[in-house]
Amino acid sequence: MARHLADEYPLKSAAVLEGWASLNRSQRRDRTANARRGLHDKFERDARELAAANGTEMSPQELAESAERLRRALFKRLAAKSVAARKARSLRSRIPADGEAP
């Protein structure tokens, strides 16, 4: 099972959360701008690679649309995995332990 920073360093994690809590919306957006830009660039690279593999030329508008579809596909897959994990966790909690009545 994966270990999280919060498990190992609860006080450090609490300080990070408190820091985020003190920021207003524009400050949070500014703090995550590089990560969002990097992810956007990754989807554009992926769209460009797919187009090249298919031997297709794309206009900048088509490239942006393709990158957006790739982004949406990733988040739909993540959402499906989240639903499956919640469902599995819910089913496990309903299974009685050995010797318990159902």
C-alpha atoms as a PDB file:
ATOM      1  CA  MET A   1       0.000   0.000   0.000  1.00  0.00           C
ATOM      2  CA  ALA A   2       1.288   3.457  -0.838  1.00  0.00           C
ATOM      3  CA  ARG A   3       2.501   5.611   2.025  1.00  0.00           C
ATOM      4  CA  HIS A   4       1.532   9.247   2.070  1.00  0.00           C
ATOM      5  CA  LEU A   5       3.359  12.293   3.362  1.00  0.00           C
ATOM      6  CA  ALA A   6       0.507  12.831   5.805  1.00  0.00           C
ATOM      7  CA  ASP A   7       1.171   9.411   7.356  1.00  0.00           C
ATOM      8  CA  GLU A   8       4.860  10.065   7.890  1.00  0.00           C
ATOM      9  CA  TYR A   9       4.917  13.752   8.695  1.00  0.00           C
ATOM     10  CA  PRO A  10       1.549  14.782  10.162  1.00  0.00           C
ATOM     11  CA  LEU A  11       2.769  18.132  11.488  1.00  0.00           C
ATOM     12  CA  LYS A  12       4.441  19.051   8.219  1.00  0.00           C
ATOM     13  CA  SER A  13       1.326  18.021   6.323  1.00  0.00           C
ATOM     14  CA  ALA A  14      -0.851  20.084   8.666  1.00  0.00           C
ATOM     15  CA  ALA A  15       1.358  23.122   8.083  1.00  0.00           C
ATOM     16  CA  VAL A  16       1.042  22.705   4.314  1.00  0.00           C
ATOM     17  CA  LEU A  17      -2.754  22.448   4.570  1.00  0.00           C
ATOM     18  CA  GLU A  18      -2.903  25.513   6.799  1.00  0.00           C
ATOM     19  CA  GLY A  19      -0.786  27.388   4.275  1.00  0.00           C
ATOM     20  CA  TRP A  20      -3.192  26.476   1.465  1.00  0.00           C
ATOM     21  CA  ALA A  21      -6.181  27.407   3.627  1.00  0.00           C
ATOM     22  CA  SER A  22      -4.847  30.924   4.102  1.00  0.00           C
ATOM     23  CA  LEU A  23      -4.652  31.595   0.354  1.00  0.00           C
ATOM     24  CA  ASN A  24      -7.440  33.180  -1.608  1.00  0.00           C
ATOM     25  CA  ARG A  25      -8.555  31.722  -4.953  1.00  0.00           C
ATOM     26  CA  SER A  26      -6.216  33.763  -7.181  1.00  0.00           C
ATOM     27  CA  GLN A  27      -3.225  32.942  -4.976  1.00  0.00           C
ATOM     28  CA  ARG A  28      -4.014  29.218  -5.163  1.00  0.00           C
ATOM     29  CA  ARG A  29      -4.367  29.504  -8.936  1.00  0.00           C
ATOM     30  CA  ASP A  30      -1.010  31.277  -9.162  1.00  0.00           C
ATOM     31  CA  ARG A  31       0.673  28.649  -7.002  1.00  0.00           C
ATOM     32  CA  THR A  32      -0.500  25.813  -9.278  1.00  0.00           C
ATOM     33  CA  ALA A  33       0.018  27.636 -12.591  1.00  0.00           C
ATOM     34  CA  ASN A  34       3.270  25.856 -13.496  1.00  0.00           C
ATOM     35  CA  ALA A  35       1.772  22.417 -12.870  1.00  0.00           C
ATOM     36  CA  ARG A  36      -1.345  23.228 -14.910  1.00  0.00           C
ATOM     37  CA  ARG A  37       0.780  24.632 -17.733  1.00  0.00           C
ATOM     38  CA  GLY A  38       2.972  21.528 -17.691  1.00  0.00           C
ATOM     39  CA  LEU A  39      -0.024  19.216 -17.896  1.00  0.00           C
ATOM     40  CA  HIS A  40      -1.501  21.291 -20.727  1.00  0.00           C
ATOM     41  CA  ASP A  41       1.808  21.059 -22.604  1.00  0.00           C
ATOM     42  CA  LYS A  42       1.890  17.281 -22.054  1.00  0.00           C
ATOM     43  CA  PHE A  43      -1.560  16.871 -23.619  1.00  0.00           C
ATOM     44  CA  GLU A  44      -0.535  19.019 -26.586  1.00  0.00           C
ATOM     45  CA  ARG A  45       2.621  16.906 -27.064  1.00  0.00           C
ATOM     46  CA  ASP A  46       0.535  13.741 -26.877  1.00  0.00           C
ATOM     47  CA  ALA A  47      -1.948  15.141 -29.424  1.00  0.00           C
ATOM     48  CA  ARG A  48       0.923  16.120 -31.722  1.00  0.00           C
ATOM     49  CA  GLU A  49       2.453  12.630 -31.410  1.00  0.00           C
ATOM     50  CA  LEU A  50      -0.876  10.963 -32.196  1.00  0.00           C
ATOM     51  CA  ALA A  51      -1.317  13.158 -35.255  1.00  0.00           C
ATOM     52  CA  ALA A  52       2.219  12.389 -36.426  1.00  0.00           C
ATOM     53  CA  ALA A  53       1.685   8.647 -35.909  1.00  0.00           C
ATOM     54  CA  ASN A  54      -1.434   8.865 -38.082  1.00  0.00           C
ATOM     55  CA  GLY A  55       0.334  11.048 -40.656  1.00  0.00           C
ATOM     56  CA  THR A  56      -2.121  13.886 -40.017  1.00  0.00           C
ATOM     57  CA  GLU A  57      -1.404  17.607 -40.047  1.00  0.00           C
ATOM     58  CA  MET A  58      -3.348  19.630 -37.472  1.00  0.00           C
ATOM     59  CA  SER A  59      -4.063  23.317 -37.280  1.00  0.00           C
ATOM     60  CA  PRO A  60      -3.424  24.985 -33.912  1.00  0.00           C
ATOM     61  CA  GLN A  61      -7.188  24.925 -33.248  1.00  0.00           C
ATOM     62  CA  GLU A  62      -7.427  21.197 -34.045  1.00  0.00           C
ATOM     63  CA  LEU A  63      -4.382  20.511 -31.885  1.00  0.00           C
ATOM     64  CA  ALA A  64      -5.971  22.360 -28.951  1.00  0.00           C
ATOM     65  CA  GLU A  65      -9.228  20.435 -29.409  1.00  0.00           C
ATOM     66  CA  SER A  66      -7.389  17.115 -29.564  1.00  0.00           C
ATOM     67  CA  ALA A  67      -5.400  17.985 -26.429  1.00  0.00           C
ATOM     68  CA  GLU A  68      -8.645  18.876 -24.637  1.00  0.00           C
ATOM     69  CA  ARG A  69     -10.187  15.527 -25.632  1.00  0.00           C
ATOM     70  CA  LEU A  70      -7.105  13.720 -24.314  1.00  0.00           C
ATOM     71  CA  ARG A  71      -7.380  15.648 -21.050  1.00  0.00           C
ATOM     72  CA  ARG A  72     -11.058  14.818 -20.687  1.00  0.00           C
ATOM     73  CA  ALA A  73     -10.376  11.141 -21.462  1.00  0.00           C
ATOM     74  CA  LEU A  74      -7.745  10.984 -18.715  1.00  0.00           C
ATOM     75  CA  PHE A  75     -10.078  12.487 -16.135  1.00  0.00           C
ATOM     76  CA  LYS A  76     -12.937  10.182 -17.189  1.00  0.00           C
ATOM     77  CA  ARG A  77     -10.630   7.178 -16.684  1.00  0.00           C
ATOM     78  CA  LEU A  78      -9.589   8.531 -13.270  1.00  0.00           C
ATOM     79  CA  ALA A  79     -13.242   9.044 -12.312  1.00  0.00           C
ATOM     80  CA  ALA A  80     -14.088   5.478 -13.369  1.00  0.00           C
ATOM     81  CA  LYS A  81     -11.218   4.123 -11.256  1.00  0.00           C
ATOM     82  CA  SER A  82     -12.422   6.208  -8.322  1.00  0.00           C
ATOM     83  CA  VAL A  83     -15.946   4.815  -8.635  1.00  0.00           C
ATOM     84  CA  ALA A  84     -14.601   1.258  -8.823  1.00  0.00           C
ATOM     85  CA  ALA A  85     -12.415   1.799  -5.745  1.00  0.00           C
ATOM     86  CA  ARG A  86     -15.289   3.279  -3.730  1.00  0.00           C
ATOM     87  CA  LYS A  87     -17.573   0.442  -4.782  1.00  0.00           C
ATOM     88  CA  ALA A  88     -14.988  -2.199  -3.839  1.00  0.00           C
ATOM     89  CA  ARG A  89     -14.382  -0.514  -0.487  1.00  0.00           C
ATOM     90  CA  SER A  90     -18.130  -0.366   0.151  1.00  0.00           C
ATOM     91  CA  LEU A  91     -18.580  -4.050  -0.694  1.00  0.00           C
ATOM     92  CA  ARG A  92     -15.674  -5.047   1.565  1.00  0.00           C
ATOM     93  CA  SER A  93     -17.259  -3.191   4.468  1.00  0.00           C
ATOM     94  CA  ARG A  94     -20.484  -5.203   4.018  1.00  0.00           C
ATOM     95  CA  ILE A  95     -18.837  -8.638   4.040  1.00  0.00           C
ATOM     96  CA  PRO A  96     -19.086 -10.123   7.514  1.00  0.00           C
ATOM     97  CA  ALA A  97     -15.941 -11.340   9.195  1.00  0.00           C
ATOM     98  CA  ASP A  98     -15.570 -15.078   9.940  1.00  0.00           C
ATOM     99  CA  GLY A  99     -18.015 -16.147  12.599  1.00  0.00           C
ATOM    100  CA  GLU A 100     -20.203 -13.025  12.354  1.00  0.00           C
ATOM    101  CA  ALA A 101     -23.836 -13.156  11.354  1.00  0.00           C
ATOM    102  CA  PRO A 102     -24.659 -11.482   8.030  1.00  0.00           C
END
